[in-house]
PDB file of N, CA and C in Angstrom:
ATOM      1  N   MET A   1       0.837  -1.143  -0.018  1.00  0.00           N
ATOM      2  CA  MET A   1      -0.013  -0.003  -0.011  1.00  0.00           C
ATOM      3  C   MET A   1       0.892   1.248   0.012  1.00  0.00           C
ATOM      4  N   PRO A   2       0.775   2.043  -1.016  1.00  0.00           N
ATOM      5  CA  PRO A   2       1.599   3.233  -1.091  1.00  0.00           C
ATOM      6  C   PRO A   2       1.198   4.290  -0.038  1.00  0.00           C
ATOM      7  N   LEU A   3       2.213   5.012   0.435  1.00  0.00           N
ATOM      8  CA  LEU A   3       1.954   6.176   1.329  1.00  0.00           C
ATOM      9  C   LEU A   3       2.377   7.427   0.610  1.00  0.00           C
ATOM     10  N   TYR A   4       1.391   8.305   0.377  1.00  0.00           N
ATOM     11  CA  TYR A   4       1.687   9.584  -0.306  1.00  0.00           C
ATOM     12  C   TYR A   4       2.016  10.606   0.736  1.00  0.00           C
ATOM     13  N   ARG A   5       3.007  11.442   0.470  1.00  0.00           N
ATOM     14  CA  ARG A   5       3.433  12.502   1.371  1.00  0.00           C
ATOM     15  C   ARG A   5       3.382  13.832   0.647  1.00  0.00           C
ATOM     16  N   SER A   6       3.040  14.835   1.365  1.00  0.00           N
ATOM     17  CA  SER A   6       3.036  16.223   0.789  1.00  0.00           C
ATOM     18  C   SER A   6       4.449  16.690   0.650  1.00  0.00           C
ATOM     19  N   VAL A   7       4.747  17.269  -0.529  1.00  0.00           N
ATOM     20  CA  VAL A   7       6.080  17.723  -0.824  1.00  0.00           C
ATOM     21  C   VAL A   7       6.314  19.088  -0.219  1.00  0.00           C
ATOM     22  N   GLY A   8       5.364  20.004  -0.405  1.00  0.00           N
ATOM     23  CA  GLY A   8       5.478  21.342   0.152  1.00  0.00           C
ATOM     24  C   GLY A   8       4.725  21.429   1.513  1.00  0.00           C
ATOM     25  N   GLY A   9       4.395  22.580   1.926  1.00  0.00           N
ATOM     26  CA  GLY A   9       3.675  22.750   3.140  1.00  0.00           C
ATOM     27  C   GLY A   9       2.140  22.619   2.981  1.00  0.00           C
ATOM     28  N   GLU A  10       1.749  22.313   1.784  1.00  0.00           N
ATOM     29  CA  GLU A  10       0.308  22.266   1.443  1.00  0.00           C
ATOM     30  C   GLU A  10      -0.241  20.852   1.717  1.00  0.00           C
ATOM     31  N   PRO A  11      -1.358  20.754   2.406  1.00  0.00           N
ATOM     32  CA  PRO A  11      -1.946  19.404   2.646  1.00  0.00           C
ATOM     33  C   PRO A  11      -2.363  18.713   1.378  1.00  0.00           C
ATOM     34  N   LEU A  12      -2.297  17.411   1.396  1.00  0.00           N
ATOM     35  CA  LEU A  12      -2.706  16.607   0.261  1.00  0.00           C
ATOM     36  C   LEU A  12      -4.168  16.740  -0.093  1.00  0.00           C
ATOM     37  N   CYS A  13      -4.996  17.023   0.918  1.00  0.00           N
ATOM     38  CA  CYS A  13      -6.436  17.115   0.723  1.00  0.00           C
ATOM     39  C   CYS A  13      -6.873  18.154  -0.342  1.00  0.00           C
ATOM     40  N   LEU A  14      -6.079  19.168  -0.517  1.00  0.00           N
ATOM     41  CA  LEU A  14      -6.475  20.267  -1.407  1.00  0.00           C
ATOM     42  C   LEU A  14      -6.437  19.806  -2.881  1.00  0.00           C
ATOM     43  N   THR A  15      -5.685  18.744  -3.193  1.00  0.00           N
ATOM     44  CA  THR A  15      -5.608  18.217  -4.575  1.00  0.00           C
ATOM     45  C   THR A  15      -6.109  16.789  -4.653  1.00  0.00           C
ATOM     46  N   CYS A  16      -6.855  16.349  -3.665  1.00  0.00           N
ATOM     47  CA  CYS A  16      -7.296  14.948  -3.650  1.00  0.00           C
ATOM     48  C   CYS A  16      -8.710  14.794  -4.233  1.00  0.00           C
ATOM     49  N   THR A  17      -8.926  13.828  -5.055  1.00  0.00           N
ATOM     50  CA  THR A  17     -10.212  13.530  -5.640  1.00  0.00           C
ATOM     51  C   THR A  17     -11.291  13.239  -4.594  1.00  0.00           C
ATOM     52  N   TYR A  18     -10.931  12.479  -3.566  1.00  0.00           N
ATOM     53  CA  TYR A  18     -11.927  12.079  -2.559  1.00  0.00           C
ATOM     54  C   TYR A  18     -12.328  13.246  -1.681  1.00  0.00           C
ATOM     55  N   TYR A  19     -11.429  14.183  -1.514  1.00  0.00           N
ATOM     56  CA  TYR A  19     -11.801  15.389  -0.745  1.00  0.00           C
ATOM     57  C   TYR A  19     -12.723  16.308  -1.591  1.00  0.00           C
ATOM     58  N   ALA A  20     -12.453  16.335  -2.903  1.00  0.00           N
ATOM     59  CA  ALA A  20     -13.242  17.204  -3.797  1.00  0.00           C
ATOM     60  C   ALA A  20     -14.687  16.706  -3.924  1.00  0.00           C
ATOM     61  N   ASP A  21     -14.874  15.372  -3.971  1.00  0.00           N
ATOM     62  CA  ASP A  21     -16.261  14.852  -4.088  1.00  0.00           C
ATOM     63  C   ASP A  21     -16.864  14.452  -2.697  1.00  0.00           C
ATOM     64  N   ASN A  22     -16.164  14.811  -1.637  1.00  0.00           N
ATOM     65  CA  ASN A  22     -16.641  14.575  -0.249  1.00  0.00           C
ATOM     66  C   ASN A  22     -16.869  13.109   0.075  1.00  0.00           C
ATOM     67  N   THR A  23     -16.021  12.238  -0.413  1.00  0.00           N
ATOM     68  CA  THR A  23     -16.111  10.842  -0.085  1.00  0.00           C
ATOM     69  C   THR A  23     -14.926  10.341   0.756  1.00  0.00           C
ATOM     70  N   CYS A  24     -14.134  11.277   1.195  1.00  0.00           N
ATOM     71  CA  CYS A  24     -12.917  10.944   2.034  1.00  0.00           C
ATOM     72  C   CYS A  24     -13.377  10.546   3.416  1.00  0.00           C
ATOM     73  N   THR A  25     -12.821   9.469   3.930  1.00  0.00           N
ATOM     74  CA  THR A  25     -13.081   9.033   5.287  1.00  0.00           C
ATOM     75  C   THR A  25     -11.830   8.987   6.148  1.00  0.00           C
ATOM     76  N   PHE A  26     -10.755   9.608   5.613  1.00  0.00           N
ATOM     77  CA  PHE A  26      -9.459   9.599   6.302  1.00  0.00           C
ATOM     78  C   PHE A  26      -9.577  10.481   7.558  1.00  0.00           C
ATOM     79  N   PRO A  27      -9.139   9.995   8.725  1.00  0.00           N
ATOM     80  CA  PRO A  27      -9.327  10.769   9.959  1.00  0.00           C
ATOM     81  C   PRO A  27      -8.537  12.096  10.004  1.00  0.00           C
ATOM     82  N   LYS A  28      -7.497  12.225   9.241  1.00  0.00           N
ATOM     83  CA  LYS A  28      -6.665  13.452   9.281  1.00  0.00           C
ATOM     84  C   LYS A  28      -7.213  14.514   8.360  1.00  0.00           C
ATOM     85  N   ARG A  29      -8.305  14.267   7.671  1.00  0.00           N
ATOM     86  CA  ARG A  29      -8.847  15.211   6.795  1.00  0.00           C
ATOM     87  C   ARG A  29      -9.217  16.505   7.459  1.00  0.00           C
ATOM     88  N   PRO A  30      -9.066  17.660   7.001  1.00  0.00           N
ATOM     89  CA  PRO A  30      -8.576  18.167   5.708  1.00  0.00           C
ATOM     90  C   PRO A  30      -7.079  18.603   5.770  1.00  0.00           C
ATOM     91  N   ASP A  31      -6.368  18.228   6.828  1.00  0.00           N
ATOM     92  CA  ASP A  31      -5.036  18.685   6.980  1.00  0.00           C
ATOM     93  C   ASP A  31      -3.969  17.594   6.827  1.00  0.00           C
ATOM     94  N   ALA A  32      -4.298  16.523   6.138  1.00  0.00           N
ATOM     95  CA  ALA A  32      -3.394  15.414   5.986  1.00  0.00           C
ATOM     96  C   ALA A  32      -2.166  15.726   5.176  1.00  0.00           C
ATOM     97  N   MET A  33      -1.037  15.501   5.751  1.00  0.00           N
ATOM     98  CA  MET A  33       0.263  15.708   5.050  1.00  0.00           C
ATOM     99  C   MET A  33       0.775  14.371   4.508  1.00  0.00           C
ATOM    100  N   ASP A  34       0.208  13.274   4.948  1.00  0.00           N
ATOM    101  CA  ASP A  34       0.511  11.954   4.381  1.00  0.00           C
ATOM    102  C   ASP A  34      -0.846  11.161   4.358  1.00  0.00           C
ATOM    103  N   CYS A  35      -0.965  10.299   3.371  1.00  0.00           N
ATOM    104  CA  CYS A  35      -2.258   9.641   3.133  1.00  0.00           C
ATOM    105  C   CYS A  35      -2.032   8.353   2.323  1.00  0.00           C
ATOM    106  N   THR A  36      -2.809   7.336   2.597  1.00  0.00           N
ATOM    107  CA  THR A  36      -2.756   6.119   1.744  1.00  0.00           C
ATOM    108  C   THR A  36      -3.880   6.119   0.709  1.00  0.00           C
ATOM    109  N   LEU A  37      -4.844   7.015   0.875  1.00  0.00           N
ATOM    110  CA  LEU A  37      -6.006   7.090  -0.017  1.00  0.00           C
ATOM    111  C   LEU A  37      -5.889   8.085  -1.124  1.00  0.00           C
ATOM    112  N   TYR A  38      -4.793   8.812  -1.170  1.00  0.00           N
ATOM    113  CA  TYR A  38      -4.654   9.958  -2.058  1.00  0.00           C
ATOM    114  C   TYR A  38      -4.800   9.622  -3.546  1.00  0.00           C
ATOM    115  N   ASP A  39      -5.605  10.398  -4.256  1.00  0.00           N
ATOM    116  CA  ASP A  39      -5.747  10.271  -5.690  1.00  0.00           C
ATOM    117  C   ASP A  39      -5.809  11.741  -6.243  1.00  0.00           C
ATOM    118  N   ASP A  40      -4.775  12.060  -7.048  1.00  0.00           N
ATOM    119  CA  ASP A  40      -4.606  13.447  -7.536  1.00  0.00           C
ATOM    120  C   ASP A  40      -5.720  13.835  -8.485  1.00  0.00           C
ATOM    121  N   VAL A  41      -6.435  14.895  -8.168  1.00  0.00           N
ATOM    122  CA  VAL A  41      -7.538  15.416  -8.954  1.00  0.00           C
ATOM    123  C   VAL A  41      -7.061  16.027 -10.286  1.00  0.00           C
ATOM    124  N   ARG A  42      -5.797  16.348 -10.357  1.00  0.00           N
ATOM    125  CA  ARG A  42      -5.212  17.023 -11.536  1.00  0.00           C
ATOM    126  C   ARG A  42      -4.809  16.022 -12.614  1.00  0.00           C
ATOM    127  N   LYS A  43      -4.705  14.744 -12.280  1.00  0.00           N
ATOM    128  CA  LYS A  43      -4.246  13.780 -13.288  1.00  0.00           C
ATOM    129  C   LYS A  43      -5.397  13.481 -14.240  1.00  0.00           C
ATOM    130  N   PRO A  44      -5.103  13.194 -15.515  1.00  0.00           N
ATOM    131  CA  PRO A  44      -6.162  12.923 -16.494  1.00  0.00           C
ATOM    132  C   PRO A  44      -6.851  11.593 -16.174  1.00  0.00           C
ATOM    133  N   PRO A  45      -8.146  11.488 -16.376  1.00  0.00           N
ATOM    134  CA  PRO A  45      -8.862  10.259 -16.194  1.00  0.00           C
ATOM    135  C   PRO A  45      -8.463   9.194 -17.143  1.00  0.00           C
ATOM    136  N   THR A  46      -8.454   7.977 -16.710  1.00  0.00           N
ATOM    137  CA  THR A  46      -8.099   6.838 -17.618  1.00  0.00           C
ATOM    138  C   THR A  46      -9.330   5.986 -17.753  1.00  0.00           C
ATOM    139  N   ASP A  47      -9.491   5.423 -18.948  1.00  0.00           N
ATOM    140  CA  ASP A  47     -10.617   4.554 -19.223  1.00  0.00           C
ATOM    141  C   ASP A  47     -10.130   3.091 -18.964  1.00  0.00           C
ATOM    142  N   ILE A  48     -10.577   2.539 -17.871  1.00  0.00           N
ATOM    143  CA  ILE A  48     -10.142   1.198 -17.432  1.00  0.00           C
ATOM    144  C   ILE A  48     -10.603   0.161 -18.432  1.00  0.00           C
ATOM    145  N   HIS A  49     -11.858   0.246 -18.919  1.00  0.00           N
ATOM    146  CA  HIS A  49     -12.413  -0.775 -19.728  1.00  0.00           C
ATOM    147  C   HIS A  49     -11.771  -0.884 -21.134  1.00  0.00           C
ATOM    148  N   SER A  50     -11.170   0.169 -21.645  1.00  0.00           N
ATOM    149  CA  SER A  50     -10.595   0.132 -22.957  1.00  0.00           C
ATOM    150  C   SER A  50      -9.348  -0.741 -22.985  1.00  0.00           C
ATOM    151  N   SER A  51      -8.707  -0.979 -21.847  1.00  0.00           N
ATOM    152  CA  SER A  51      -7.501  -1.769 -21.840  1.00  0.00           C
ATOM    153  C   SER A  51      -7.811  -3.246 -21.760  1.00  0.00           C
ATOM    154  N   TYR A  52      -9.034  -3.660 -21.494  1.00  0.00           N
ATOM    155  CA  TYR A  52      -9.417  -5.073 -21.497  1.00  0.00           C
ATOM    156  C   TYR A  52      -9.568  -5.579 -22.877  1.00  0.00           C
ATOM    157  N   LYS A  53      -9.007  -6.752 -23.118  1.00  0.00           N
ATOM    158  CA  LYS A  53      -9.204  -7.444 -24.456  1.00  0.00           C
ATOM    159  C   LYS A  53     -10.364  -8.406 -24.291  1.00  0.00           C
ATOM    160  N   SER A  54     -10.987  -8.678 -25.442  1.00  0.00           N
ATOM    161  CA  SER A  54     -12.120  -9.572 -25.386  1.00  0.00           C
ATOM    162  C   SER A  54     -11.777 -10.968 -24.915  1.00  0.00           C
ATOM    163  N   THR A  55     -10.585 -11.442 -25.237  1.00  0.00           N
ATOM    164  CA  THR A  55     -10.157 -12.774 -24.738  1.00  0.00           C
ATOM    165  C   THR A  55     -10.033 -12.782 -23.217  1.00  0.00           C
ATOM    166  N   PHE A  56      -9.579 -11.661 -22.660  1.00  0.00           N
ATOM    167  CA  PHE A  56      -9.459 -11.618 -21.188  1.00  0.00           C
ATOM    168  C   PHE A  56     -10.873 -11.649 -20.588  1.00  0.00           C
ATOM    169  N   ARG A  57     -11.806 -10.969 -21.153  1.00  0.00           N
ATOM    170  CA  ARG A  57     -13.183 -10.918 -20.621  1.00  0.00           C
ATOM    171  C   ARG A  57     -13.823 -12.302 -20.644  1.00  0.00           C
ATOM    172  N   VAL A  58     -13.639 -13.012 -21.811  1.00  0.00           N
ATOM    173  CA  VAL A  58     -14.166 -14.330 -21.934  1.00  0.00           C
ATOM    174  C   VAL A  58     -13.547 -15.295 -20.910  1.00  0.00           C
ATOM    175  N   LYS A  59     -12.258 -15.212 -20.763  1.00  0.00           N
ATOM    176  CA  LYS A  59     -11.549 -16.053 -19.835  1.00  0.00           C
ATOM    177  C   LYS A  59     -12.005 -15.776 -18.405  1.00  0.00           C
ATOM    178  N   ALA A  60     -12.178 -14.549 -18.076  1.00  0.00           N
ATOM    179  CA  ALA A  60     -12.616 -14.156 -16.701  1.00  0.00           C
ATOM    180  C   ALA A  60     -14.054 -14.685 -16.495  1.00  0.00           C
ATOM    181  N   TRP A  61     -14.936 -14.595 -17.465  1.00  0.00           N
ATOM    182  CA  TRP A  61     -16.289 -15.067 -17.343  1.00  0.00           C
ATOM    183  C   TRP A  61     -16.310 -16.568 -17.161  1.00  0.00           C
ATOM    184  N   VAL A  62     -15.460 -17.283 -17.924  1.00  0.00           N
ATOM    185  CA  VAL A  62     -15.420 -18.750 -17.766  1.00  0.00           C
ATOM    186  C   VAL A  62     -14.910 -19.169 -16.398  1.00  0.00           C
ATOM    187  N   GLU A  63     -13.905 -18.462 -15.884  1.00  0.00           N
ATOM    188  CA  GLU A  63     -13.376 -18.742 -14.559  1.00  0.00           C
ATOM    189  C   GLU A  63     -14.418 -18.468 -13.458  1.00  0.00           C
ATOM    190  N   ARG A  64     -15.227 -17.456 -13.669  1.00  0.00           N
ATOM    191  CA  ARG A  64     -16.276 -17.140 -12.638  1.00  0.00           C
ATOM    192  C   ARG A  64     -17.402 -18.159 -12.682  1.00  0.00           C
ATOM    193  N   HIS A  65     -17.706 -18.738 -13.819  1.00  0.00           N
ATOM    194  CA  HIS A  65     -18.871 -19.589 -13.998  1.00  0.00           C
ATOM    195  C   HIS A  65     -18.464 -21.037 -14.314  1.00  0.00           C
ATOM    196  N   ILE A  66     -17.323 -21.502 -13.814  1.00  0.00           N
ATOM    197  CA  ILE A  66     -16.875 -22.838 -14.138  1.00  0.00           C
ATOM    198  C   ILE A  66     -17.841 -23.912 -13.602  1.00  0.00           C
ATOM    199  N   GLY A  67     -18.427 -23.708 -12.458  1.00  0.00           N
ATOM    200  CA  GLY A  67     -19.416 -24.685 -11.949  1.00  0.00           C
ATOM    201  C   GLY A  67     -20.636 -24.802 -12.799  1.00  0.00           C
ATOM    202  N   LEU A  68     -21.146 -23.693 -13.280  1.00  0.00           N
ATOM    203  CA  LEU A  68     -22.309 -23.745 -14.186  1.00  0.00           C
ATOM    204  C   LEU A  68     -21.969 -24.445 -15.487  1.00  0.00           C
ATOM    205  N   LEU A  69     -20.783 -24.176 -16.023  1.00  0.00           N
ATOM    206  CA  LEU A  69     -20.387 -24.802 -17.291  1.00  0.00           C
ATOM    207  C   LEU A  69     -20.214 -26.304 -17.061  1.00  0.00           C
ATOM    208  N   ALA A  70     -19.686 -26.743 -15.939  1.00  0.00           N
ATOM    209  CA  ALA A  70     -19.499 -28.184 -15.649  1.00  0.00           C
ATOM    210  C   ALA A  70     -20.876 -28.845 -15.543  1.00  0.00           C
ATOM    211  N   LEU A  71     -21.824 -28.217 -14.885  1.00  0.00           N
ATOM    212  CA  LEU A  71     -23.157 -28.748 -14.752  1.00  0.00           C
ATOM    213  C   LEU A  71     -23.846 -28.856 -16.113  1.00  0.00           C
ATOM    214  N   LEU A  72     -23.738 -27.867 -16.923  1.00  0.00           N
ATOM    215  CA  LEU A  72     -24.298 -27.896 -18.286  1.00  0.00           C
ATOM    216  C   LEU A  72     -23.667 -28.969 -19.127  1.00  0.00           C
ATOM    217  N   GLY A  73     -22.361 -29.202 -18.950  1.00  0.00           N
ATOM    218  CA  GLY A  73     -21.655 -30.278 -19.666  1.00  0.00           C
ATOM    219  C   GLY A  73     -22.186 -31.654 -19.258  1.00  0.00           C
ATOM    220  N   LEU A  74     -22.413 -31.833 -17.981  1.00  0.00           N
ATOM    221  CA  LEU A  74     -22.942 -33.157 -17.480  1.00  0.00           C
ATOM    222  C   LEU A  74     -24.330 -33.344 -18.033  1.00  0.00           C
ATOM    223  N   ILE A  75     -25.147 -32.345 -18.042  1.00  0.00           N
ATOM    224  CA  ILE A  75     -26.509 -32.490 -18.588  1.00  0.00           C
ATOM    225  C   ILE A  75     -26.463 -32.819 -20.085  1.00  0.00           C
ATOM    226  N   LEU A  76     -25.617 -32.188 -20.831  1.00  0.00           N
ATOM    227  CA  LEU A  76     -25.504 -32.405 -22.245  1.00  0.00           C
ATOM    228  C   LEU A  76     -25.005 -33.857 -22.508  1.00  0.00           C
ATOM    229  N   ILE A  77     -24.019 -34.365 -21.731  1.00  0.00           N
ATOM    230  CA  ILE A  77     -23.540 -35.686 -21.864  1.00  0.00           C
ATOM    231  C   ILE A  77     -24.662 -36.703 -21.559  1.00  0.00           C
ATOM    232  N   SER A  78     -25.454 -36.427 -20.487  1.00  0.00           N
ATOM    233  CA  SER A  78     -26.550 -37.280 -20.104  1.00  0.00           C
ATOM    234  C   SER A  78     -27.601 -37.349 -21.200  1.00  0.00           C
ATOM    235  N   LEU A  79     -27.951 -36.235 -21.778  1.00  0.00           N
ATOM    236  CA  LEU A  79     -28.941 -36.194 -22.857  1.00  0.00           C
ATOM    237  C   LEU A  79     -28.412 -36.989 -24.054  1.00  0.00           C
ATOM    238  N   LEU A  80     -27.159 -36.868 -24.403  1.00  0.00           N
ATOM    239  CA  LEU A  80     -26.588 -37.588 -25.542  1.00  0.00           C
ATOM    240  C   LEU A  80     -26.618 -39.081 -25.281  1.00  0.00           C
ATOM    241  N   LEU A  81     -26.322 -39.528 -24.102  1.00  0.00           N
ATOM    242  CA  LEU A  81     -26.360 -40.964 -23.723  1.00  0.00           C
ATOM    243  C   LEU A  81     -27.794 -41.493 -23.810  1.00  0.00           C
ATOM    244  N   VAL A  82     -28.775 -40.726 -23.348  1.00  0.00           N
ATOM    245  CA  VAL A  82     -30.146 -41.195 -23.454  1.00  0.00           C
ATOM    246  C   VAL A  82     -30.628 -41.264 -24.873  1.00  0.00           C
ATOM    247  N   LEU A  83     -30.276 -40.299 -25.681  1.00  0.00           N
ATOM    248  CA  LEU A  83     -30.718 -40.312 -27.089  1.00  0.00           C
ATOM    249  C   LEU A  83     -30.058 -41.383 -27.908  1.00  0.00           C
ATOM    250  N   MET A  84     -28.879 -41.844 -27.525  1.00  0.00           N
ATOM    251  CA  MET A  84     -28.161 -42.922 -28.254  1.00  0.00           C
ATOM    252  C   MET A  84     -28.741 -44.280 -28.020  1.00  0.00           C
ATOM    253  N   ARG A  85     -29.451 -44.469 -26.949  1.00  0.00           N
ATOM    254  CA  ARG A  85     -29.994 -45.795 -26.631  1.00  0.00           C
ATOM    255  C   ARG A  85     -31.235 -46.080 -27.392  1.00  0.00           C
TER     256      ARG A  85
END
């Protein structure tokens, strides 16, 4: 966990995103000179979803639903065995 420290005499809260939108729960607010929650309001926003590739999303979905896929596989095999008789 990174610890952010104020470089000048100015508190980190003045440039923190969480302080700006009033979601900060840090007990040293608004005079924190060091903080683990700091997120600079001046940095440009990044689009997290654009960096995901479709193969990653499919793989993540399969890993989350492996039990359901196994159950569906067993049902399919059972139906095939019944229809072959």
